[in-house]
């Protein structure tokens, strides 16, 4: 079995616990019990680690997550993300059902939501 050397994807955050809670609710993965105001971890593979920094995000991410809904549709997952506090940055959905939506989490980090596996297979 091959193990990935990537342990965490690390994000600067103004409020690590708040942003980890957002990502936990969106992905369904728990926040590590040892998380605190300085460092919060969403337990997935690789982990999503949020580290406290004093400054706000000022530029576009050089790296972002592409999410595939584990159940339901892309549009339902986008709606869920918005209900949790995300905002739509760019909508790349096409009339034929293909495409993706670029969103920003509550601290402005960009991520994309693609179609689910079931939608792509259909």
PDB file of N, CA and C in Angstrom:
ATOM      1  N   UNK A   1       0.838  -1.182   0.000  1.00  0.00           N
ATOM      2  CA  UNK A   1       0.000   0.000   0.000  1.00  0.00           C
ATOM      3  C   UNK A   1       0.882   1.244   0.000  1.00  0.00           C
ATOM      4  N   UNK A   2       0.575   2.183  -0.858  1.00  0.00           N
ATOM      5  CA  UNK A   2       1.321   3.425  -0.945  1.00  0.00           C
ATOM      6  C   UNK A   2       0.660   4.462  -0.048  1.00  0.00           C
ATOM      7  N   UNK A   3       1.467   5.154   0.730  1.00  0.00           N
ATOM      8  CA  UNK A   3       0.970   6.206   1.596  1.00  0.00           C
ATOM      9  C   UNK A   3       1.425   7.538   1.037  1.00  0.00           C
ATOM     10  N   UNK A   4       0.491   8.474   0.964  1.00  0.00           N
ATOM     11  CA  UNK A   4       0.835   9.802   0.467  1.00  0.00           C
ATOM     12  C   UNK A   4       1.724  10.527   1.461  1.00  0.00           C
ATOM     13  N   UNK A   5       2.741  11.233   0.983  1.00  0.00           N
ATOM     14  CA  UNK A   5       3.560  12.019   1.889  1.00  0.00           C
ATOM     15  C   UNK A   5       2.860  13.324   2.311  1.00  0.00           C
ATOM     16  N   UNK A   6       1.743  13.658   1.674  1.00  0.00           N
ATOM     17  CA  UNK A   6       1.022  14.885   2.021  1.00  0.00           C
ATOM     18  C   UNK A   6       0.163  14.609   3.253  1.00  0.00           C
ATOM     19  N   UNK A   7       0.506  15.256   4.363  1.00  0.00           N
ATOM     20  CA  UNK A   7      -0.231  15.040   5.614  1.00  0.00           C
ATOM     21  C   UNK A   7      -1.354  16.053   5.786  1.00  0.00           C
ATOM     22  N   UNK A   8      -1.063  17.348   5.508  1.00  0.00           N
ATOM     23  CA  UNK A   8      -2.048  18.418   5.679  1.00  0.00           C
ATOM     24  C   UNK A   8      -1.988  19.376   4.496  1.00  0.00           C
ATOM     25  N   UNK A   9      -3.100  20.000   4.222  1.00  0.00           N
ATOM     26  CA  UNK A   9      -3.153  21.203   3.404  1.00  0.00           C
ATOM     27  C   UNK A   9      -3.373  22.319   4.412  1.00  0.00           C
ATOM     28  N   UNK A  10      -2.463  23.270   4.473  1.00  0.00           N
ATOM     29  CA  UNK A  10      -2.480  24.274   5.525  1.00  0.00           C
ATOM     30  C   UNK A  10      -2.921  25.627   4.977  1.00  0.00           C
ATOM     31  N   UNK A  11      -3.833  26.256   5.721  1.00  0.00           N
ATOM     32  CA  UNK A  11      -4.393  27.545   5.346  1.00  0.00           C
ATOM     33  C   UNK A  11      -4.114  28.552   6.451  1.00  0.00           C
ATOM     34  N   UNK A  12      -3.731  29.773   6.077  1.00  0.00           N
ATOM     35  CA  UNK A  12      -3.696  30.866   7.037  1.00  0.00           C
ATOM     36  C   UNK A  12      -5.141  31.211   7.376  1.00  0.00           C
ATOM     37  N   UNK A  13      -5.394  31.586   8.618  1.00  0.00           N
ATOM     38  CA  UNK A  13      -6.763  31.892   9.035  1.00  0.00           C
ATOM     39  C   UNK A  13      -6.770  32.963  10.107  1.00  0.00           C
ATOM     40  N   UNK A  14      -7.758  33.833  10.057  1.00  0.00           N
ATOM     41  CA  UNK A  14      -7.946  34.821  11.116  1.00  0.00           C
ATOM     42  C   UNK A  14      -8.534  34.149  12.348  1.00  0.00           C
ATOM     43  N   UNK A  15      -9.438  33.164  12.144  1.00  0.00           N
ATOM     44  CA  UNK A  15     -10.087  32.469  13.243  1.00  0.00           C
ATOM     45  C   UNK A  15     -10.137  30.972  12.921  1.00  0.00           C
ATOM     46  N   UNK A  16      -9.085  30.240  13.245  1.00  0.00           N
ATOM     47  CA  UNK A  16      -8.999  28.828  12.869  1.00  0.00           C
ATOM     48  C   UNK A  16     -10.189  27.962  13.290  1.00  0.00           C
ATOM     49  N   UNK A  17     -10.696  28.153  14.489  1.00  0.00           N
ATOM     50  CA  UNK A  17     -11.818  27.311  14.938  1.00  0.00           C
ATOM     51  C   UNK A  17     -13.080  27.567  14.131  1.00  0.00           C
ATOM     52  N   UNK A  18     -13.352  28.822  13.801  1.00  0.00           N
ATOM     53  CA  UNK A  18     -14.552  29.157  13.029  1.00  0.00           C
ATOM     54  C   UNK A  18     -14.449  28.600  11.615  1.00  0.00           C
ATOM     55  N   UNK A  19     -13.304  28.793  10.981  1.00  0.00           N
ATOM     56  CA  UNK A  19     -13.168  28.333   9.597  1.00  0.00           C
ATOM     57  C   UNK A  19     -13.093  26.809   9.541  1.00  0.00           C
ATOM     58  N   UNK A  20     -12.491  26.165  10.534  1.00  0.00           N
ATOM     59  CA  UNK A  20     -12.488  24.700  10.585  1.00  0.00           C
ATOM     60  C   UNK A  20     -13.908  24.170  10.761  1.00  0.00           C
ATOM     61  N   UNK A  21     -14.717  24.850  11.564  1.00  0.00           N
ATOM     62  CA  UNK A  21     -16.111  24.434  11.748  1.00  0.00           C
ATOM     63  C   UNK A  21     -16.878  24.525  10.431  1.00  0.00           C
ATOM     64  N   UNK A  22     -16.647  25.577   9.643  1.00  0.00           N
ATOM     65  CA  UNK A  22     -17.276  25.694   8.319  1.00  0.00           C
ATOM     66  C   UNK A  22     -16.915  24.487   7.452  1.00  0.00           C
ATOM     67  N   UNK A  23     -15.607  24.201   7.349  1.00  0.00           N
ATOM     68  CA  UNK A  23     -15.159  23.104   6.497  1.00  0.00           C
ATOM     69  C   UNK A  23     -15.620  21.755   7.038  1.00  0.00           C
ATOM     70  N   UNK A  24     -15.724  21.618   8.330  1.00  0.00           N
ATOM     71  CA  UNK A  24     -16.236  20.382   8.927  1.00  0.00           C
ATOM     72  C   UNK A  24     -17.693  20.159   8.521  1.00  0.00           C
ATOM     73  N   UNK A  25     -18.514  21.195   8.634  1.00  0.00           N
ATOM     74  CA  UNK A  25     -19.930  21.063   8.259  1.00  0.00           C
ATOM     75  C   UNK A  25     -20.083  20.812   6.763  1.00  0.00           C
ATOM     76  N   UNK A  26     -19.243  21.444   5.954  1.00  0.00           N
ATOM     77  CA  UNK A  26     -19.348  21.273   4.501  1.00  0.00           C
ATOM     78  C   UNK A  26     -18.910  19.883   4.064  1.00  0.00           C
ATOM     79  N   UNK A  27     -17.824  19.370   4.646  1.00  0.00           N
ATOM     80  CA  UNK A  27     -17.280  18.081   4.192  1.00  0.00           C
ATOM     81  C   UNK A  27     -17.802  16.879   4.970  1.00  0.00           C
ATOM     82  N   UNK A  28     -18.303  17.112   6.183  1.00  0.00           N
ATOM     83  CA  UNK A  28     -18.743  16.004   7.022  1.00  0.00           C
ATOM     84  C   UNK A  28     -17.635  15.373   7.846  1.00  0.00           C
ATOM     85  N   UNK A  29     -16.418  15.912   7.767  1.00  0.00           N
ATOM     86  CA  UNK A  29     -15.303  15.409   8.560  1.00  0.00           C
ATOM     87  C   UNK A  29     -15.214  16.197   9.867  1.00  0.00           C
ATOM     88  N   UNK A  30     -14.817  15.539  10.962  1.00  0.00           N
ATOM     89  CA  UNK A  30     -14.790  16.223  12.261  1.00  0.00           C
ATOM     90  C   UNK A  30     -13.586  17.150  12.434  1.00  0.00           C
ATOM     91  N   UNK A  31     -13.768  18.105  13.329  1.00  0.00           N
ATOM     92  CA  UNK A  31     -12.657  18.942  13.779  1.00  0.00           C
ATOM     93  C   UNK A  31     -11.964  18.190  14.908  1.00  0.00           C
ATOM     94  N   UNK A  32     -10.650  18.100  14.839  1.00  0.00           N
ATOM     95  CA  UNK A  32      -9.865  17.418  15.866  1.00  0.00           C
ATOM     96  C   UNK A  32     -10.139  18.031  17.235  1.00  0.00           C
ATOM     97  N   UNK A  33     -10.303  17.173  18.239  1.00  0.00           N
ATOM     98  CA  UNK A  33     -10.634  17.617  19.601  1.00  0.00           C
ATOM     99  C   UNK A  33      -9.555  18.501  20.211  1.00  0.00           C
ATOM    100  N   UNK A  34      -8.327  18.404  19.750  1.00  0.00           N
ATOM    101  CA  UNK A  34      -7.240  19.220  20.293  1.00  0.00           C
ATOM    102  C   UNK A  34      -7.097  20.575  19.594  1.00  0.00           C
ATOM    103  N   UNK A  35      -7.992  20.872  18.659  1.00  0.00           N
ATOM    104  CA  UNK A  35      -7.934  22.161  17.961  1.00  0.00           C
ATOM    105  C   UNK A  35      -8.178  23.295  18.945  1.00  0.00           C
ATOM    106  N   UNK A  36      -7.540  24.439  18.651  1.00  0.00           N
ATOM    107  CA  UNK A  36      -7.710  25.606  19.515  1.00  0.00           C
ATOM    108  C   UNK A  36      -7.672  26.872  18.673  1.00  0.00           C
ATOM    109  N   UNK A  37      -7.596  28.007  19.331  1.00  0.00           N
ATOM    110  CA  UNK A  37      -7.643  29.301  18.648  1.00  0.00           C
ATOM    111  C   UNK A  37      -6.424  29.569  17.766  1.00  0.00           C
ATOM    112  N   UNK A  38      -5.351  28.825  17.972  1.00  0.00           N
ATOM    113  CA  UNK A  38      -4.128  29.002  17.190  1.00  0.00           C
ATOM    114  C   UNK A  38      -4.018  28.036  16.016  1.00  0.00           C
ATOM    115  N   UNK A  39      -4.624  26.864  16.154  1.00  0.00           N
ATOM    116  CA  UNK A  39      -4.461  25.804  15.158  1.00  0.00           C
ATOM    117  C   UNK A  39      -5.678  24.869  15.229  1.00  0.00           C
ATOM    118  N   UNK A  40      -6.348  24.698  14.100  1.00  0.00           N
ATOM    119  CA  UNK A  40      -7.514  23.820  14.066  1.00  0.00           C
ATOM    120  C   UNK A  40      -7.388  22.880  12.867  1.00  0.00           C
ATOM    121  N   UNK A  41      -7.719  21.617  13.101  1.00  0.00           N
ATOM    122  CA  UNK A  41      -7.548  20.586  12.080  1.00  0.00           C
ATOM    123  C   UNK A  41      -8.867  19.902  11.783  1.00  0.00           C
ATOM    124  N   UNK A  42      -9.221  19.846  10.496  1.00  0.00           N
ATOM    125  CA  UNK A  42     -10.331  19.014  10.043  1.00  0.00           C
ATOM    126  C   UNK A  42      -9.720  17.674   9.670  1.00  0.00           C
ATOM    127  N   UNK A  43     -10.231  16.616  10.305  1.00  0.00           N
ATOM    128  CA  UNK A  43      -9.646  15.283  10.176  1.00  0.00           C
ATOM    129  C   UNK A  43     -10.131  14.576   8.909  1.00  0.00           C
ATOM    130  N   UNK A  44      -9.370  14.747   7.852  1.00  0.00           N
ATOM    131  CA  UNK A  44      -9.597  14.028   6.597  1.00  0.00           C
ATOM    132  C   UNK A  44      -8.233  13.696   6.033  1.00  0.00           C
ATOM    133  N   UNK A  45      -8.179  13.124   4.855  1.00  0.00           N
ATOM    134  CA  UNK A  45      -6.910  12.693   4.290  1.00  0.00           C
ATOM    135  C   UNK A  45      -6.669  13.383   2.949  1.00  0.00           C
ATOM    136  N   UNK A  46      -5.749  14.315   2.783  1.00  0.00           N
ATOM    137  CA  UNK A  46      -4.946  14.905   3.845  1.00  0.00           C
ATOM    138  C   UNK A  46      -5.798  15.831   4.712  1.00  0.00           C
ATOM    139  N   UNK A  47      -5.302  16.129   5.897  1.00  0.00           N
ATOM    140  CA  UNK A  47      -6.027  17.000   6.818  1.00  0.00           C
ATOM    141  C   UNK A  47      -6.068  18.432   6.321  1.00  0.00           C
ATOM    142  N   UNK A  48      -7.110  19.151   6.721  1.00  0.00           N
ATOM    143  CA  UNK A  48      -7.216  20.584   6.435  1.00  0.00           C
ATOM    144  C   UNK A  48      -6.833  21.315   7.722  1.00  0.00           C
ATOM    145  N   UNK A  49      -5.671  21.942   7.711  1.00  0.00           N
ATOM    146  CA  UNK A  49      -5.120  22.570   8.904  1.00  0.00           C
ATOM    147  C   UNK A  49      -5.201  24.085   8.757  1.00  0.00           C
ATOM    148  N   UNK A  50      -5.774  24.743   9.754  1.00  0.00           N
ATOM    149  CA  UNK A  50      -5.950  26.188   9.753  1.00  0.00           C
ATOM    150  C   UNK A  50      -5.100  26.773  10.877  1.00  0.00           C
ATOM    151  N   UNK A  51      -4.174  27.663  10.505  1.00  0.00           N
ATOM    152  CA  UNK A  51      -3.203  28.249  11.427  1.00  0.00           C
ATOM    153  C   UNK A  51      -3.500  29.743  11.574  1.00  0.00           C
ATOM    154  N   UNK A  52      -3.535  30.224  12.800  1.00  0.00           N
ATOM    155  CA  UNK A  52      -3.836  31.633  13.053  1.00  0.00           C
ATOM    156  C   UNK A  52      -2.744  32.552  12.515  1.00  0.00           C
ATOM    157  N   UNK A  53      -3.178  33.585  11.804  1.00  0.00           N
ATOM    158  CA  UNK A  53      -2.297  34.662  11.349  1.00  0.00           C
ATOM    159  C   UNK A  53      -3.024  35.986  11.613  1.00  0.00           C
ATOM    160  N   UNK A  54      -2.291  37.073  11.795  1.00  0.00           N
ATOM    161  CA  UNK A  54      -2.955  38.341  12.124  1.00  0.00           C
ATOM    162  C   UNK A  54      -3.587  39.054  10.930  1.00  0.00           C
ATOM    163  N   UNK A  55      -3.111  38.783   9.732  1.00  0.00           N
ATOM    164  CA  UNK A  55      -3.595  39.532   8.577  1.00  0.00           C
ATOM    165  C   UNK A  55      -4.701  38.767   7.834  1.00  0.00           C
ATOM    166  N   UNK A  56      -5.560  39.539   7.152  1.00  0.00           N
ATOM    167  CA  UNK A  56      -6.626  38.962   6.330  1.00  0.00           C
ATOM    168  C   UNK A  56      -6.068  38.542   4.978  1.00  0.00           C
ATOM    169  N   UNK A  57      -6.776  37.673   4.298  1.00  0.00           N
ATOM    170  CA  UNK A  57      -6.402  37.256   2.945  1.00  0.00           C
ATOM    171  C   UNK A  57      -6.505  38.463   2.019  1.00  0.00           C
ATOM    172  N   UNK A  58      -5.510  38.632   1.131  1.00  0.00           N
ATOM    173  CA  UNK A  58      -5.506  39.810   0.259  1.00  0.00           C
ATOM    174  C   UNK A  58      -5.432  39.488  -1.223  1.00  0.00           C
ATOM    175  N   UNK A  59      -5.139  38.253  -1.596  1.00  0.00           N
ATOM    176  CA  UNK A  59      -4.987  37.914  -3.014  1.00  0.00           C
ATOM    177  C   UNK A  59      -5.613  36.550  -3.295  1.00  0.00           C
ATOM    178  N   UNK A  60      -5.724  36.231  -4.573  1.00  0.00           N
ATOM    179  CA  UNK A  60      -6.271  34.947  -4.992  1.00  0.00           C
ATOM    180  C   UNK A  60      -5.377  33.803  -4.496  1.00  0.00           C
ATOM    181  N   UNK A  61      -6.024  32.695  -4.126  1.00  0.00           N
ATOM    182  CA  UNK A  61      -5.268  31.507  -3.709  1.00  0.00           C
ATOM    183  C   UNK A  61      -4.367  31.029  -4.837  1.00  0.00           C
ATOM    184  N   UNK A  62      -3.214  30.511  -4.501  1.00  0.00           N
ATOM    185  CA  UNK A  62      -2.358  29.835  -5.483  1.00  0.00           C
ATOM    186  C   UNK A  62      -2.733  28.370  -5.571  1.00  0.00           C
ATOM    187  N   UNK A  63      -3.480  27.880  -4.605  1.00  0.00           N
ATOM    188  CA  UNK A  63      -3.934  26.499  -4.531  1.00  0.00           C
ATOM    189  C   UNK A  63      -5.366  26.543  -4.023  1.00  0.00           C
ATOM    190  N   UNK A  64      -6.231  25.707  -4.589  1.00  0.00           N
ATOM    191  CA  UNK A  64      -7.588  25.629  -4.059  1.00  0.00           C
ATOM    192  C   UNK A  64      -8.088  24.196  -4.125  1.00  0.00           C
ATOM    193  N   UNK A  65      -9.130  23.910  -3.368  1.00  0.00           N
ATOM    194  CA  UNK A  65      -9.727  22.580  -3.349  1.00  0.00           C
ATOM    195  C   UNK A  65     -10.825  22.496  -4.403  1.00  0.00           C
ATOM    196  N   UNK A  66     -10.877  21.377  -5.115  1.00  0.00           N
ATOM    197  CA  UNK A  66     -11.989  21.045  -6.003  1.00  0.00           C
ATOM    198  C   UNK A  66     -12.787  19.967  -5.290  1.00  0.00           C
ATOM    199  N   UNK A  67     -14.031  20.258  -4.956  1.00  0.00           N
ATOM    200  CA  UNK A  67     -14.868  19.327  -4.213  1.00  0.00           C
ATOM    201  C   UNK A  67     -15.853  18.629  -5.130  1.00  0.00           C
ATOM    202  N   UNK A  68     -16.045  17.356  -4.891  1.00  0.00           N
ATOM    203  CA  UNK A  68     -17.046  16.550  -5.581  1.00  0.00           C
ATOM    204  C   UNK A  68     -18.070  16.132  -4.523  1.00  0.00           C
ATOM    205  N   UNK A  69     -19.331  16.493  -4.683  1.00  0.00           N
ATOM    206  CA  UNK A  69     -20.320  16.108  -3.676  1.00  0.00           C
ATOM    207  C   UNK A  69     -20.327  14.597  -3.458  1.00  0.00           C
ATOM    208  N   UNK A  70     -20.280  14.153  -2.193  1.00  0.00           N
ATOM    209  CA  UNK A  70     -20.323  12.717  -1.921  1.00  0.00           C
ATOM    210  C   UNK A  70     -21.709  12.127  -2.145  1.00  0.00           C
ATOM    211  N   UNK A  71     -22.728  12.978  -2.119  1.00  0.00           N
ATOM    212  CA  UNK A  71     -24.110  12.558  -2.368  1.00  0.00           C
ATOM    213  C   UNK A  71     -24.848  13.756  -2.950  1.00  0.00           C
ATOM    214  N   UNK A  72     -25.909  13.491  -3.665  1.00  0.00           N
ATOM    215  CA  UNK A  72     -26.683  14.585  -4.238  1.00  0.00           C
ATOM    216  C   UNK A  72     -26.008  15.178  -5.458  1.00  0.00           C
ATOM    217  N   UNK A  73     -26.360  16.433  -5.742  1.00  0.00           N
ATOM    218  CA  UNK A  73     -25.881  17.092  -6.955  1.00  0.00           C
ATOM    219  C   UNK A  73     -24.927  18.234  -6.633  1.00  0.00           C
ATOM    220  N   UNK A  74     -24.264  18.690  -7.655  1.00  0.00           N
ATOM    221  CA  UNK A  74     -23.386  19.861  -7.536  1.00  0.00           C
ATOM    222  C   UNK A  74     -24.187  21.052  -7.018  1.00  0.00           C
ATOM    223  N   UNK A  75     -25.362  21.278  -7.604  1.00  0.00           N
ATOM    224  CA  UNK A  75     -26.142  22.450  -7.239  1.00  0.00           C
ATOM    225  C   UNK A  75     -26.623  22.380  -5.786  1.00  0.00           C
ATOM    226  N   UNK A  76     -26.983  21.199  -5.311  1.00  0.00           N
ATOM    227  CA  UNK A  76     -27.372  21.038  -3.907  1.00  0.00           C
ATOM    228  C   UNK A  76     -26.184  21.328  -2.989  1.00  0.00           C
ATOM    229  N   UNK A  77     -25.000  20.891  -3.391  1.00  0.00           N
ATOM    230  CA  UNK A  77     -23.796  21.115  -2.580  1.00  0.00           C
ATOM    231  C   UNK A  77     -23.427  22.596  -2.564  1.00  0.00           C
ATOM    232  N   UNK A  78     -23.579  23.266  -3.700  1.00  0.00           N
ATOM    233  CA  UNK A  78     -23.344  24.712  -3.756  1.00  0.00           C
ATOM    234  C   UNK A  78     -24.308  25.416  -2.803  1.00  0.00           C
ATOM    235  N   UNK A  79     -25.589  25.033  -2.852  1.00  0.00           N
ATOM    236  CA  UNK A  79     -26.581  25.633  -1.950  1.00  0.00           C
ATOM    237  C   UNK A  79     -26.194  25.418  -0.494  1.00  0.00           C
ATOM    238  N   UNK A  80     -25.735  24.211  -0.154  1.00  0.00           N
ATOM    239  CA  UNK A  80     -25.306  23.906   1.216  1.00  0.00           C
ATOM    240  C   UNK A  80     -24.149  24.811   1.618  1.00  0.00           C
ATOM    241  N   UNK A  81     -23.152  24.955   0.731  1.00  0.00           N
ATOM    242  CA  UNK A  81     -21.989  25.795   1.032  1.00  0.00           C
ATOM    243  C   UNK A  81     -22.423  27.235   1.293  1.00  0.00           C
ATOM    244  N   UNK A  82     -23.333  27.747   0.482  1.00  0.00           N
ATOM    245  CA  UNK A  82     -23.817  29.116   0.654  1.00  0.00           C
ATOM    246  C   UNK A  82     -24.577  29.247   1.977  1.00  0.00           C
ATOM    247  N   UNK A  83     -25.398  28.270   2.307  1.00  0.00           N
ATOM    248  CA  UNK A  83     -26.119  28.291   3.587  1.00  0.00           C
ATOM    249  C   UNK A  83     -25.155  28.306   4.776  1.00  0.00           C
ATOM    250  N   UNK A  84     -23.981  27.668   4.622  1.00  0.00           N
ATOM    251  CA  UNK A  84     -22.989  27.616   5.689  1.00  0.00           C
ATOM    252  C   UNK A  84     -22.126  28.877   5.763  1.00  0.00           C
ATOM    253  N   UNK A  85     -22.257  29.775   4.786  1.00  0.00           N
ATOM    254  CA  UNK A  85     -21.504  31.019   4.834  1.00  0.00           C
ATOM    255  C   UNK A  85     -20.588  31.292   3.663  1.00  0.00           C
ATOM    256  N   UNK A  86     -20.534  30.375   2.687  1.00  0.00           N
ATOM    257  CA  UNK A  86     -19.715  30.613   1.491  1.00  0.00           C
ATOM    258  C   UNK A  86     -20.420  31.623   0.577  1.00  0.00           C
ATOM    259  N   UNK A  87     -19.651  32.225  -0.309  1.00  0.00           N
ATOM    260  CA  UNK A  87     -20.219  33.105  -1.331  1.00  0.00           C
ATOM    261  C   UNK A  87     -19.762  32.615  -2.697  1.00  0.00           C
ATOM    262  N   UNK A  88     -20.597  32.829  -3.694  1.00  0.00           N
ATOM    263  CA  UNK A  88     -20.247  32.435  -5.063  1.00  0.00           C
ATOM    264  C   UNK A  88     -19.339  33.508  -5.656  1.00  0.00           C
ATOM    265  N   UNK A  89     -18.171  33.071  -6.131  1.00  0.00           N
ATOM    266  CA  UNK A  89     -17.205  33.978  -6.753  1.00  0.00           C
ATOM    267  C   UNK A  89     -17.363  33.994  -8.270  1.00  0.00           C
ATOM    268  N   UNK A  90     -17.626  32.816  -8.859  1.00  0.00           N
ATOM    269  CA  UNK A  90     -17.786  32.709 -10.311  1.00  0.00           C
ATOM    270  C   UNK A  90     -18.595  31.454 -10.607  1.00  0.00           C
ATOM    271  N   UNK A  91     -19.519  31.581 -11.520  1.00  0.00           N
ATOM    272  CA  UNK A  91     -20.389  30.457 -11.876  1.00  0.00           C
ATOM    273  C   UNK A  91     -20.026  29.985 -13.285  1.00  0.00           C
ATOM    274  N   UNK A  92     -19.476  28.789 -13.373  1.00  0.00           N
ATOM    275  CA  UNK A  92     -19.041  28.221 -14.652  1.00  0.00           C
ATOM    276  C   UNK A  92     -19.943  27.074 -15.089  1.00  0.00           C
ATOM    277  N   UNK A  93     -21.182  27.022 -14.565  1.00  0.00           N
ATOM    278  CA  UNK A  93     -22.132  25.992 -14.982  1.00  0.00           C
ATOM    279  C   UNK A  93     -22.609  26.304 -16.394  1.00  0.00           C
ATOM    280  N   UNK A  94     -22.782  25.246 -17.183  1.00  0.00           N
ATOM    281  CA  UNK A  94     -23.201  25.395 -18.571  1.00  0.00           C
ATOM    282  C   UNK A  94     -24.602  24.821 -18.745  1.00  0.00           C
ATOM    283  N   UNK A  95     -25.306  25.258 -19.776  1.00  0.00           N
ATOM    284  CA  UNK A  95     -26.678  24.779 -19.991  1.00  0.00           C
ATOM    285  C   UNK A  95     -26.790  23.255 -20.117  1.00  0.00           C
ATOM    286  N   UNK A  96     -25.732  22.587 -20.570  1.00  0.00           N
ATOM    287  CA  UNK A  96     -25.799  21.125 -20.723  1.00  0.00           C
ATOM    288  C   UNK A  96     -25.535  20.388 -19.404  1.00  0.00           C
ATOM    289  N   UNK A  97     -25.353  21.134 -18.298  1.00  0.00           N
ATOM    290  CA  UNK A  97     -25.152  20.506 -16.988  1.00  0.00           C
ATOM    291  C   UNK A  97     -23.699  20.350 -16.578  1.00  0.00           C
ATOM    292  N   UNK A  98     -22.772  20.587 -17.486  1.00  0.00           N
ATOM    293  CA  UNK A  98     -21.355  20.492 -17.144  1.00  0.00           C
ATOM    294  C   UNK A  98     -20.917  21.766 -16.424  1.00  0.00           C
ATOM    295  N   UNK A  99     -19.664  21.828 -16.057  1.00  0.00           N
ATOM    296  CA  UNK A  99     -19.111  23.022 -15.435  1.00  0.00           C
ATOM    297  C   UNK A  99     -19.005  22.909 -13.926  1.00  0.00           C
ATOM    298  N   UNK A 100     -18.624  23.998 -13.309  1.00  0.00           N
ATOM    299  CA  UNK A 100     -18.370  24.041 -11.871  1.00  0.00           C
ATOM    300  C   UNK A 100     -18.714  25.424 -11.351  1.00  0.00           C
ATOM    301  N   UNK A 101     -18.690  25.555 -10.023  1.00  0.00           N
ATOM    302  CA  UNK A 101     -18.926  26.836  -9.363  1.00  0.00           C
ATOM    303  C   UNK A 101     -17.722  27.119  -8.467  1.00  0.00           C
ATOM    304  N   UNK A 102     -17.167  28.310  -8.588  1.00  0.00           N
ATOM    305  CA  UNK A 102     -16.102  28.751  -7.704  1.00  0.00           C
ATOM    306  C   UNK A 102     -16.738  29.557  -6.581  1.00  0.00           C
ATOM    307  N   UNK A 103     -16.400  29.163  -5.348  1.00  0.00           N
ATOM    308  CA  UNK A 103     -16.933  29.834  -4.164  1.00  0.00           C
ATOM    309  C   UNK A 103     -15.796  30.333  -3.298  1.00  0.00           C
ATOM    310  N   UNK A 104     -16.151  31.144  -2.288  1.00  0.00           N
ATOM    311  CA  UNK A 104     -15.192  31.589  -1.274  1.00  0.00           C
ATOM    312  C   UNK A 104     -15.738  31.184   0.087  1.00  0.00           C
ATOM    313  N   UNK A 105     -14.881  30.605   0.922  1.00  0.00           N
ATOM    314  CA  UNK A 105     -15.302  30.265   2.279  1.00  0.00           C
ATOM    315  C   UNK A 105     -15.446  31.566   3.078  1.00  0.00           C
ATOM    316  N   UNK A 106     -15.892  31.516   4.339  1.00  0.00           N
ATOM    317  CA  UNK A 106     -16.103  32.753   5.088  1.00  0.00           C
ATOM    318  C   UNK A 106     -14.873  33.644   5.274  1.00  0.00           C
ATOM    319  N   UNK A 107     -13.667  33.124   5.064  1.00  0.00           N
ATOM    320  CA  UNK A 107     -12.465  33.963   5.141  1.00  0.00           C
ATOM    321  C   UNK A 107     -11.927  34.324   3.759  1.00  0.00           C
ATOM    322  N   UNK A 108     -12.646  33.946   2.699  1.00  0.00           N
ATOM    323  CA  UNK A 108     -12.269  34.349   1.348  1.00  0.00           C
ATOM    324  C   UNK A 108     -11.454  33.354   0.559  1.00  0.00           C
ATOM    325  N   UNK A 109     -11.162  32.177   1.112  1.00  0.00           N
ATOM    326  CA  UNK A 109     -10.401  31.160   0.377  1.00  0.00           C
ATOM    327  C   UNK A 109     -11.275  30.546  -0.716  1.00  0.00           C
ATOM    328  N   UNK A 110     -10.769  30.534  -1.943  1.00  0.00           N
ATOM    329  CA  UNK A 110     -11.515  29.995  -3.061  1.00  0.00           C
ATOM    330  C   UNK A 110     -11.518  28.468  -3.042  1.00  0.00           C
ATOM    331  N   UNK A 111     -12.635  27.900  -3.497  1.00  0.00           N
ATOM    332  CA  UNK A 111     -12.750  26.466  -3.743  1.00  0.00           C
ATOM    333  C   UNK A 111     -13.800  26.262  -4.820  1.00  0.00           C
ATOM    334  N   UNK A 112     -13.751  25.117  -5.482  1.00  0.00           N
ATOM    335  CA  UNK A 112     -14.699  24.820  -6.553  1.00  0.00           C
ATOM    336  C   UNK A 112     -15.543  23.613  -6.193  1.00  0.00           C
ATOM    337  N   UNK A 113     -16.775  23.627  -6.678  1.00  0.00           N
ATOM    338  CA  UNK A 113     -17.657  22.476  -6.554  1.00  0.00           C
ATOM    339  C   UNK A 113     -17.960  21.984  -7.963  1.00  0.00           C
ATOM    340  N   UNK A 114     -17.578  20.741  -8.216  1.00  0.00           N
ATOM    341  CA  UNK A 114     -17.810  20.082  -9.501  1.00  0.00           C
ATOM    342  C   UNK A 114     -19.055  19.215  -9.425  1.00  0.00           C
ATOM    343  N   UNK A 115     -19.420  18.603 -10.526  1.00  0.00           N
ATOM    344  CA  UNK A 115     -20.543  17.662 -10.530  1.00  0.00           C
ATOM    345  C   UNK A 115     -20.179  16.418  -9.723  1.00  0.00           C
ATOM    346  N   UNK A 116     -21.197  15.776  -9.169  1.00  0.00           N
ATOM    347  CA  UNK A 116     -20.983  14.527  -8.440  1.00  0.00           C
ATOM    348  C   UNK A 116     -20.622  13.423  -9.435  1.00  0.00           C
ATOM    349  N   UNK A 117     -20.111  12.320  -8.907  1.00  0.00           N
ATOM    350  CA  UNK A 117     -19.788  11.165  -9.755  1.00  0.00           C
ATOM    351  C   UNK A 117     -21.034  10.679 -10.481  1.00  0.00           C
ATOM    352  N   UNK A 118     -22.171  10.648  -9.777  1.00  0.00           N
ATOM    353  CA  UNK A 118     -23.430  10.193 -10.392  1.00  0.00           C
ATOM    354  C   UNK A 118     -23.842  11.117 -11.535  1.00  0.00           C
ATOM    355  N   UNK A 119     -23.666  12.431 -11.358  1.00  0.00           N
ATOM    356  CA  UNK A 119     -24.007  13.376 -12.422  1.00  0.00           C
ATOM    357  C   UNK A 119     -23.105  13.182 -13.630  1.00  0.00           C
ATOM    358  N   UNK A 120     -21.817  12.936 -13.407  1.00  0.00           N
ATOM    359  CA  UNK A 120     -20.899  12.738 -14.530  1.00  0.00           C
ATOM    360  C   UNK A 120     -21.184  11.439 -15.255  1.00  0.00           C
ATOM    361  N   UNK A 121     -21.633  10.426 -14.522  1.00  0.00           N
ATOM    362  CA  UNK A 121     -21.923   9.114 -15.134  1.00  0.00           C
ATOM    363  C   UNK A 121     -23.225   9.137 -15.935  1.00  0.00           C
ATOM    364  N   UNK A 122     -24.126  10.061 -15.566  1.00  0.00           N
ATOM    365  CA  UNK A 122     -25.469  10.098 -16.171  1.00  0.00           C
ATOM    366  C   UNK A 122     -25.550  10.722 -17.481  1.00  0.00           C
TER     367      UNK A 122
END
